[in-house]
Amino acid sequence: MGKGNKLITKGRYELKFRGTQCLNCGHILDMSDKYCPNCGQANSTKKLVLKDFFDEFFSSLVNYDSKLIKTLYTLLVKPGTITKDYIRGKRVAYTNPFRFLLSLAFLYFLMVSYSSNLGELDKLGLDEKIKQTGPMSFDLTSGEFAGDSTEIRQQTENALVKLDSLSGGETQLASELAVLDTLGVLLNSESIEEAMREEQLKDSLMFANPAGYYAEIESRSNNVFFKKMEFFFNHLRRDSLSTFEEARKNYQVANSWSNKMAFNGSNSILRVISQPGSWLNATMAKLPFVIFFFLPVFTVFITLAYIRKKYTYTDHLIFSFHNQSLLFILLILSWLVDNIFNTATAWIFLTIFSVYLFQAMRKFYGQGIFKTIVKYVFLNSAFMFLALISMLLLFTGSVFTY
């Protein structure tokens, strides 16, 4: 009876509610089975009541809290130990390293995003300037975007008159541009001002006959993609274009992958220029995902550094995830201290992490001080290089996809 009493638990898990067959998969059960060993469902025949949901919720919460506390304690106090325990099979007491890192990364970047003043940078963008000036075109004398529709028409007419005088009355767009290109060499040799005037005339022609101008771009053999982006950017900024479908309809733009890419890239760049703060916030929100692409690549370098150790790639990856989690914990602590006391402590916590990482490498891989120093320098150099490449790719890609 003593053994039987130990099996009795509260609520729907009491012994009197135990069954001899799993209600989910039909697996044969013993009365001592609290859960089905086949599918994991609770062995209970009791009808569910509202109280059962609250009991299970708080039970799961307490269980997660105990795992979290155990993980935090071991991670902070015993460098390298948590990874050793995890790869040796002692996993129930700790939170999943992948999910743990993702949660910390989201928490940190969420805190940084909502506490930053990056949104103020939007005031430096082009939105207000565009609102004040309305539809924009190149001013032939100043070389800047300005003017209402009347001024645009007048500038366009002036541009066409000048083009006629330069080309002897030619009306074909390709001929006009050829004359301008030829004269451009002479103008460049004479003065920079005249070269700038040539560019301004070309820009005005872009608005005067956009369909013909785009067709001329299509006929070129070099820098075509960037010329297309320039064309779309100018028309998007001038508010004469809003969607790719409008470009296809109004300017006879072919429905090709290259044209779509040029349009979307120009549209994204314009939004970045108009809303730099919002763009930075959106880019920072992607950093947690970048980490999960970055760390597996970095783990290859760890594997190479410790190629003689009998650890698998996944073992090295778990070690990398645990240490990156510790870094985010320290960064979160630094953020809290800085916001509470209005100070700057990031360098202190980064120094702590540097010392911690060295100790974690020594204890986990079991090598001497000299070897650990050499590999520490090598891996940190690789980490910084890969981080720089990742950030460049992220921000460059974000500019074209914002």
Protein backbone atom coordinates (compact mmCIF):
# COMPACT_ATOMS: atom_id res chain seq x y z
CA MET A 1 0.00 0.00 0.00
CA GLY A 2 2.90 2.31 0.72
CA LYS A 3 4.05 2.08 -2.87
CA GLY A 4 0.51 2.59 -4.10
CA ASN A 5 0.09 5.73 -2.05
CA LYS A 6 3.15 7.29 -3.70
CA LEU A 7 1.50 6.92 -7.08
CA ILE A 8 -1.49 9.02 -6.07
CA THR A 9 -1.27 12.64 -7.22
CA LYS A 10 -3.75 15.47 -7.21
CA GLY A 11 -6.42 16.31 -9.75
CA ARG A 12 -6.95 14.25 -12.86
CA TYR A 13 -3.77 12.28 -12.21
CA GLU A 14 -5.10 10.51 -9.12
CA LEU A 15 -4.80 6.72 -9.21
CA LYS A 16 -8.57 6.26 -9.34
CA PHE A 17 -8.64 8.01 -12.72
CA ARG A 18 -5.89 5.86 -14.28
CA GLY A 19 -6.79 3.64 -17.23
CA THR A 20 -5.36 0.44 -18.66
CA GLN A 21 -5.45 1.64 -22.27
CA CYS A 22 -4.34 4.98 -23.78
CA LEU A 23 -7.35 6.95 -24.96
CA ASN A 24 -5.24 8.52 -27.73
CA CYS A 25 -3.30 5.66 -29.35
CA GLY A 26 -4.75 2.54 -27.68
CA HIS A 27 -1.42 1.47 -26.15
CA ILE A 28 -1.80 -0.95 -23.22
CA LEU A 29 -0.99 0.80 -19.93
CA ASP A 30 -0.23 -0.11 -16.35
CA MET A 31 -2.00 1.62 -13.50
CA SER A 32 1.39 3.10 -12.49
CA ASP A 33 1.78 4.85 -15.85
CA LYS A 34 1.08 8.57 -15.41
CA TYR A 35 1.70 9.12 -19.15
CA CYS A 36 1.47 6.85 -22.16
CA PRO A 37 5.00 5.64 -23.05
CA ASN A 38 3.98 5.46 -26.71
CA CYS A 39 2.47 8.89 -27.42
CA GLY A 40 3.03 10.83 -24.18
CA GLN A 41 -0.63 11.63 -23.44
CA ALA A 42 -1.69 11.79 -19.77
CA ASN A 43 -3.21 8.54 -18.48
CA SER A 44 -6.46 9.89 -17.13
CA THR A 45 -10.10 9.03 -17.74
CA LYS A 46 -11.42 11.99 -15.74
CA LYS A 47 -13.64 14.48 -17.54
CA LEU A 48 -11.92 17.83 -17.99
CA VAL A 49 -13.07 20.76 -15.89
CA LEU A 50 -11.86 24.35 -15.88
CA LYS A 51 -9.78 23.75 -12.75
CA ASP A 52 -7.73 21.12 -14.61
CA PHE A 53 -6.61 23.69 -17.19
CA PHE A 54 -5.41 26.09 -14.47
CA ASP A 55 -3.62 23.30 -12.58
CA GLU A 56 -1.76 22.15 -15.69
CA PHE A 57 -0.92 25.70 -16.71
CA PHE A 58 0.67 26.59 -13.36
CA SER A 59 2.36 23.18 -13.17
CA SER A 60 3.97 23.77 -16.60
CA LEU A 61 4.93 27.31 -15.59
CA VAL A 62 6.65 26.14 -12.40
CA ASN A 63 8.40 23.36 -14.33
CA TYR A 64 9.68 25.85 -16.93
CA ASP A 65 10.79 28.29 -14.24
CA SER A 66 12.81 25.59 -12.51
CA LYS A 67 14.49 24.71 -15.82
CA LEU A 68 15.16 28.36 -16.53
CA ILE A 69 16.69 28.97 -13.09
CA LYS A 70 18.86 25.85 -13.40
CA THR A 71 19.99 26.91 -16.88
CA LEU A 72 20.79 30.48 -15.84
CA TYR A 73 22.65 29.38 -12.71
CA THR A 74 24.82 26.80 -14.49
CA LEU A 75 25.42 29.09 -17.46
CA LEU A 76 26.52 32.02 -15.31
CA VAL A 77 28.47 30.24 -12.58
CA LYS A 78 29.97 27.19 -14.32
CA PRO A 79 31.40 28.06 -17.76
CA GLY A 80 31.35 25.09 -20.14
CA THR A 81 29.54 22.78 -17.69
CA ILE A 82 26.06 23.18 -19.15
CA THR A 83 27.26 22.14 -22.61
CA LYS A 84 29.04 19.08 -21.20
CA ASP A 85 25.90 18.03 -19.32
CA TYR A 86 23.68 18.59 -22.33
CA ILE A 87 25.70 16.58 -24.85
CA ARG A 88 26.09 13.75 -22.29
CA GLY A 89 22.33 13.39 -22.07
CA LYS A 90 21.45 15.44 -18.96
CA ARG A 91 18.87 17.57 -20.77
CA VAL A 92 15.66 17.46 -18.76
CA ALA A 93 16.96 19.94 -16.17
CA TYR A 94 17.91 22.55 -18.81
CA THR A 95 16.00 24.56 -21.38
CA ASN A 96 16.55 23.80 -25.06
CA PRO A 97 19.68 25.77 -26.12
CA PHE A 98 18.29 26.76 -29.52
CA ARG A 99 14.97 28.01 -28.17
CA PHE A 100 16.72 29.67 -25.22
CA LEU A 101 19.03 31.65 -27.50
CA LEU A 102 16.22 32.69 -29.83
CA SER A 103 14.15 33.96 -26.88
CA LEU A 104 17.06 35.97 -25.48
CA ALA A 105 17.91 37.44 -28.90
CA PHE A 106 14.30 38.54 -29.48
CA LEU A 107 14.08 40.00 -25.98
CA TYR A 108 17.31 41.97 -26.33
CA PHE A 109 16.60 43.44 -29.76
CA LEU A 110 13.02 44.21 -28.74
CA MET A 111 14.30 46.16 -25.73
CA VAL A 112 16.87 48.01 -27.82
CA SER A 113 14.39 48.83 -30.60
CA TYR A 114 11.70 50.24 -28.32
CA SER A 115 14.13 52.20 -26.18
CA SER A 116 16.10 53.74 -29.02
CA ASN A 117 15.44 57.11 -30.65
CA LEU A 118 15.96 55.76 -34.16
CA GLY A 119 12.46 56.86 -35.10
CA GLU A 120 13.64 60.46 -34.76
CA LEU A 121 15.88 59.88 -37.78
CA ASP A 122 12.77 59.82 -39.95
CA LYS A 123 12.67 63.60 -39.57
CA LEU A 124 15.91 63.73 -41.54
CA GLY A 125 14.34 61.85 -44.45
CA LEU A 126 12.69 63.20 -47.57
CA ASP A 127 9.04 62.93 -46.53
CA GLU A 128 8.70 66.53 -45.36
CA LYS A 129 10.64 67.90 -48.32
CA ILE A 130 8.43 65.99 -50.74
CA LYS A 131 5.27 67.18 -48.96
CA GLN A 132 6.44 70.80 -49.13
CA THR A 133 7.45 70.79 -52.78
CA GLY A 134 4.83 68.43 -54.19
CA PRO A 135 5.65 66.66 -57.50
CA MET A 136 9.37 66.98 -58.10
CA SER A 137 11.61 67.31 -61.11
CA PHE A 138 15.13 68.43 -61.83
CA ASP A 139 15.59 72.20 -61.93
CA LEU A 140 17.74 72.98 -65.00
CA THR A 141 19.61 75.78 -63.27
CA SER A 142 20.08 74.41 -59.75
CA GLY A 143 20.25 70.72 -60.51
CA GLU A 144 17.85 69.93 -57.62
CA PHE A 145 14.42 68.34 -57.43
CA ALA A 146 11.85 71.13 -57.17
CA GLY A 147 8.80 72.76 -58.74
CA ASP A 148 5.11 72.24 -59.29
CA SER A 149 3.48 70.83 -62.43
CA THR A 150 3.60 74.19 -64.25
CA GLU A 151 7.33 74.55 -63.65
CA ILE A 152 7.88 70.95 -64.71
CA ARG A 153 6.11 71.53 -68.03
CA GLN A 154 8.04 74.75 -68.61
CA GLN A 155 11.38 73.08 -67.84
CA THR A 156 10.50 70.18 -70.11
CA GLU A 157 9.68 72.51 -72.99
CA ASN A 158 12.96 74.42 -72.47
CA ALA A 159 14.85 71.15 -72.44
CA LEU A 160 13.31 70.00 -75.71
CA VAL A 161 14.08 73.37 -77.38
CA LYS A 162 17.71 73.09 -76.31
CA LEU A 163 17.83 69.50 -77.55
CA ASP A 164 16.45 70.57 -80.94
CA SER A 165 19.09 73.26 -81.28
CA LEU A 166 21.85 70.85 -80.36
CA SER A 167 20.78 68.12 -82.77
CA GLY A 168 19.63 70.13 -85.72
CA GLY A 169 15.95 69.34 -85.30
CA GLU A 170 16.23 65.57 -84.86
CA THR A 171 13.13 64.17 -83.19
CA GLN A 172 14.21 60.61 -82.42
CA LEU A 173 15.11 60.03 -78.77
CA ALA A 174 18.14 57.89 -79.50
CA SER A 175 19.55 60.56 -81.79
CA GLU A 176 19.06 63.25 -79.15
CA LEU A 177 20.92 61.21 -76.54
CA ALA A 178 23.71 60.38 -79.01
CA VAL A 179 24.24 64.09 -79.71
CA LEU A 180 24.27 64.82 -75.98
CA ASP A 181 26.80 62.03 -75.36
CA THR A 182 29.05 63.37 -78.12
CA LEU A 183 28.81 66.93 -76.86
CA GLY A 184 29.40 65.65 -73.34
CA VAL A 185 33.03 64.88 -74.18
CA LEU A 186 33.56 68.44 -75.38
CA LEU A 187 31.63 69.92 -72.49
CA ASN A 188 33.70 67.91 -70.00
CA SER A 189 36.87 69.21 -71.54
CA GLU A 190 35.57 72.77 -71.28
CA SER A 191 34.01 72.97 -67.84
CA ILE A 192 32.36 70.92 -65.12
CA GLU A 193 29.34 73.24 -65.18
CA GLU A 194 28.52 72.33 -68.77
CA ALA A 195 28.83 68.61 -67.96
CA MET A 196 26.34 69.04 -65.14
CA ARG A 197 24.02 70.89 -67.52
CA GLU A 198 24.15 67.92 -69.89
CA GLU A 199 23.06 65.59 -67.09
CA GLN A 200 20.22 67.94 -66.21
CA LEU A 201 19.03 67.94 -69.81
CA LYS A 202 19.04 64.15 -69.84
CA ASP A 203 17.02 64.07 -66.65
CA SER A 204 14.47 66.45 -68.11
CA LEU A 205 14.24 64.25 -71.18
CA MET A 206 13.56 61.31 -68.86
CA PHE A 207 10.37 63.06 -67.74
CA ALA A 208 9.49 64.48 -71.17
CA ASN A 209 9.41 61.09 -72.91
CA PRO A 210 9.72 58.36 -70.24
CA ALA A 211 8.59 55.50 -72.50
CA GLY A 212 11.17 56.37 -75.16
CA TYR A 213 13.85 56.99 -72.56
CA TYR A 214 13.26 53.55 -71.03
CA ALA A 215 13.30 51.90 -74.46
CA GLU A 216 16.68 53.54 -75.10
CA ILE A 217 17.97 52.13 -71.79
CA GLU A 218 16.81 48.64 -72.81
CA SER A 219 18.87 48.92 -76.01
CA ARG A 220 22.13 49.54 -74.13
CA SER A 221 24.65 46.82 -73.35
CA ASN A 222 26.22 48.09 -70.11
CA ASN A 223 24.95 49.36 -66.74
CA VAL A 224 21.40 48.61 -67.88
CA PHE A 225 20.12 47.45 -64.48
CA PHE A 226 21.37 50.52 -62.61
CA LYS A 227 20.05 52.84 -65.31
CA LYS A 228 16.65 51.19 -64.89
CA MET A 229 16.87 51.73 -61.14
CA GLU A 230 17.75 55.40 -61.72
CA PHE A 231 14.74 55.75 -64.03
CA PHE A 232 12.30 54.16 -61.56
CA PHE A 233 13.79 56.06 -58.61
CA ASN A 234 13.30 59.44 -60.29
CA HIS A 235 9.71 58.68 -61.31
CA LEU A 236 8.82 57.24 -57.91
CA ARG A 237 10.29 60.28 -56.21
CA ARG A 238 8.40 62.59 -58.57
CA ASP A 239 5.13 60.83 -57.62
CA SER A 240 4.39 59.97 -61.25
CA LEU A 241 4.67 56.27 -60.45
CA SER A 242 3.55 54.10 -57.52
CA THR A 243 3.38 50.46 -58.67
CA PHE A 244 5.16 48.27 -61.19
CA GLU A 245 1.85 47.71 -62.99
CA GLU A 246 1.65 51.48 -63.59
CA ALA A 247 5.16 51.41 -65.03
CA ARG A 248 4.17 48.61 -67.40
CA LYS A 249 1.05 50.44 -68.52
CA ASN A 250 2.36 54.00 -68.76
CA TYR A 251 5.92 53.45 -69.98
CA GLN A 252 5.64 50.14 -71.90
CA VAL A 253 7.95 48.37 -69.43
CA ALA A 254 8.28 44.64 -70.08
CA ASN A 255 7.05 42.26 -67.38
CA SER A 256 10.48 40.75 -66.74
CA TRP A 257 12.31 39.65 -63.57
CA SER A 258 15.05 42.25 -64.15
CA ASN A 259 12.56 45.10 -64.48
CA LYS A 260 10.69 44.03 -61.34
CA MET A 261 13.94 43.84 -59.39
CA ALA A 262 14.98 47.30 -60.58
CA PHE A 263 11.59 48.76 -59.64
CA ASN A 264 11.42 47.09 -56.21
CA GLY A 265 15.02 48.02 -55.44
CA SER A 266 14.41 51.67 -56.32
CA ASN A 267 11.19 51.72 -54.29
CA SER A 268 12.99 50.25 -51.26
CA ILE A 269 15.90 52.70 -51.50
CA LEU A 270 13.47 55.62 -51.66
CA ARG A 271 11.69 54.37 -48.51
CA VAL A 272 15.04 53.97 -46.74
CA ILE A 273 16.00 57.56 -47.63
CA SER A 274 12.57 58.83 -46.59
CA GLN A 275 12.38 56.83 -43.34
CA PRO A 276 15.93 55.99 -42.17
CA GLY A 277 14.90 55.45 -38.54
CA SER A 278 12.09 53.03 -39.37
CA TRP A 279 14.44 51.17 -41.71
CA LEU A 280 17.07 50.75 -38.98
CA ASN A 281 14.43 49.45 -36.56
CA ALA A 282 13.14 46.98 -39.15
CA THR A 283 16.69 45.82 -39.92
CA MET A 284 17.53 45.31 -36.25
CA ALA A 285 14.41 43.18 -35.87
CA LYS A 286 15.95 40.72 -38.35
CA LEU A 287 19.16 40.27 -36.36
CA PRO A 288 17.91 37.27 -34.30
CA PHE A 289 17.32 35.37 -37.53
CA VAL A 290 20.72 36.39 -38.87
CA ILE A 291 22.32 34.90 -35.76
CA PHE A 292 20.83 31.51 -36.56
CA PHE A 293 22.42 31.60 -40.00
CA PHE A 294 25.66 33.10 -38.71
CA LEU A 295 26.41 30.73 -35.81
CA PRO A 296 26.28 27.49 -37.85
CA VAL A 297 28.88 28.99 -40.21
CA PHE A 298 31.03 30.13 -37.29
CA THR A 299 30.78 26.63 -35.78
CA VAL A 300 32.69 25.31 -38.79
CA PHE A 301 35.71 27.30 -37.56
CA ILE A 302 35.27 25.88 -34.05
CA THR A 303 35.21 22.38 -35.55
CA LEU A 304 38.43 23.09 -37.44
CA ALA A 305 40.12 24.54 -34.34
CA TYR A 306 39.27 21.43 -32.31
CA ILE A 307 39.36 18.86 -35.10
CA ARG A 308 41.26 16.35 -32.91
CA LYS A 309 38.64 16.45 -30.19
CA LYS A 310 35.99 13.76 -30.32
CA TYR A 311 33.10 16.16 -30.58
CA THR A 312 30.55 16.26 -33.37
CA TYR A 313 29.58 19.40 -35.27
CA THR A 314 26.35 19.54 -33.27
CA ASP A 315 28.30 19.43 -30.00
CA HIS A 316 30.32 22.46 -31.12
CA LEU A 317 27.12 24.19 -32.22
CA ILE A 318 25.50 23.67 -28.79
CA PHE A 319 28.65 25.11 -27.17
CA SER A 320 28.37 28.12 -29.49
CA PHE A 321 24.66 28.59 -28.69
CA HIS A 322 25.26 28.47 -24.95
CA ASN A 323 28.01 31.07 -25.08
CA GLN A 324 26.00 33.34 -27.36
CA SER A 325 23.11 33.05 -24.90
CA LEU A 326 25.41 34.20 -22.09
CA LEU A 327 26.44 37.17 -24.23
CA PHE A 328 22.80 38.22 -24.66
CA ILE A 329 22.16 37.83 -20.93
CA LEU A 330 25.07 40.17 -20.19
CA LEU A 331 23.90 42.64 -22.85
CA ILE A 332 20.40 42.65 -21.34
CA LEU A 333 21.90 43.30 -17.88
CA SER A 334 24.01 46.08 -19.36
CA TRP A 335 20.93 47.64 -20.98
CA LEU A 336 19.02 47.54 -17.69
CA VAL A 337 21.89 49.10 -15.73
CA ASP A 338 22.41 51.81 -18.36
CA ASN A 339 18.72 52.77 -18.42
CA ILE A 340 18.31 52.73 -14.64
CA PHE A 341 21.48 54.62 -13.74
CA ASN A 342 21.95 56.56 -16.99
CA THR A 343 25.46 55.28 -17.59
CA ALA A 344 27.43 53.22 -20.15
CA THR A 345 28.48 49.76 -18.96
CA ALA A 346 28.60 47.74 -22.18
CA TRP A 347 32.42 47.58 -22.11
CA ILE A 348 32.34 46.12 -18.57
CA PHE A 349 29.95 43.32 -19.52
CA LEU A 350 31.82 42.60 -22.75
CA THR A 351 35.03 42.26 -20.73
CA ILE A 352 33.26 39.83 -18.39
CA PHE A 353 32.11 37.83 -21.42
CA SER A 354 35.66 37.73 -22.84
CA VAL A 355 36.97 36.21 -19.59
CA TYR A 356 34.00 33.86 -19.37
CA LEU A 357 34.48 32.62 -22.95
CA PHE A 358 38.14 31.81 -22.28
CA GLN A 359 37.21 29.80 -19.17
CA ALA A 360 34.39 28.02 -21.02
CA MET A 361 36.79 26.96 -23.80
CA ARG A 362 39.32 25.66 -21.28
CA LYS A 363 36.81 23.64 -19.26
CA PHE A 364 34.78 22.26 -22.14
CA TYR A 365 37.65 21.27 -24.42
CA GLY A 366 40.12 20.52 -21.65
CA GLN A 367 43.24 22.10 -23.15
CA GLY A 368 46.07 24.12 -21.57
CA ILE A 369 46.36 27.88 -21.33
CA PHE A 370 48.68 28.37 -24.31
CA LYS A 371 46.63 26.29 -26.77
CA THR A 372 43.44 27.92 -25.55
CA ILE A 373 44.91 31.41 -26.04
CA VAL A 374 45.93 30.61 -29.63
CA LYS A 375 42.50 29.18 -30.49
CA TYR A 376 40.77 31.96 -28.58
CA VAL A 377 42.48 34.58 -30.75
CA PHE A 378 41.82 32.61 -33.93
CA LEU A 379 38.13 32.03 -33.20
CA ASN A 380 37.49 35.61 -32.09
CA SER A 381 39.14 36.91 -35.27
CA ALA A 382 36.97 34.57 -37.35
CA PHE A 383 33.91 35.65 -35.36
CA MET A 384 34.56 39.36 -35.97
CA PHE A 385 35.18 38.79 -39.68
CA LEU A 386 32.02 36.72 -40.16
CA ALA A 387 30.00 39.19 -38.08
CA LEU A 388 31.18 42.07 -40.28
CA ILE A 389 30.28 40.19 -43.46
CA SER A 390 26.90 39.23 -42.04
CA MET A 391 26.09 42.81 -41.05
CA LEU A 392 27.11 44.13 -44.48
CA LEU A 393 24.93 41.54 -46.21
CA LEU A 394 22.04 42.24 -43.85
CA PHE A 395 22.08 46.01 -44.27
CA THR A 396 22.73 45.86 -48.01
CA GLY A 397 19.96 43.32 -48.52
CA SER A 398 17.66 45.30 -46.25
CA VAL A 399 18.13 48.44 -48.35
CA PHE A 400 16.90 46.61 -51.45
CA THR A 401 14.04 44.74 -49.74
CA TYR A 402 12.69 47.32 -47.23
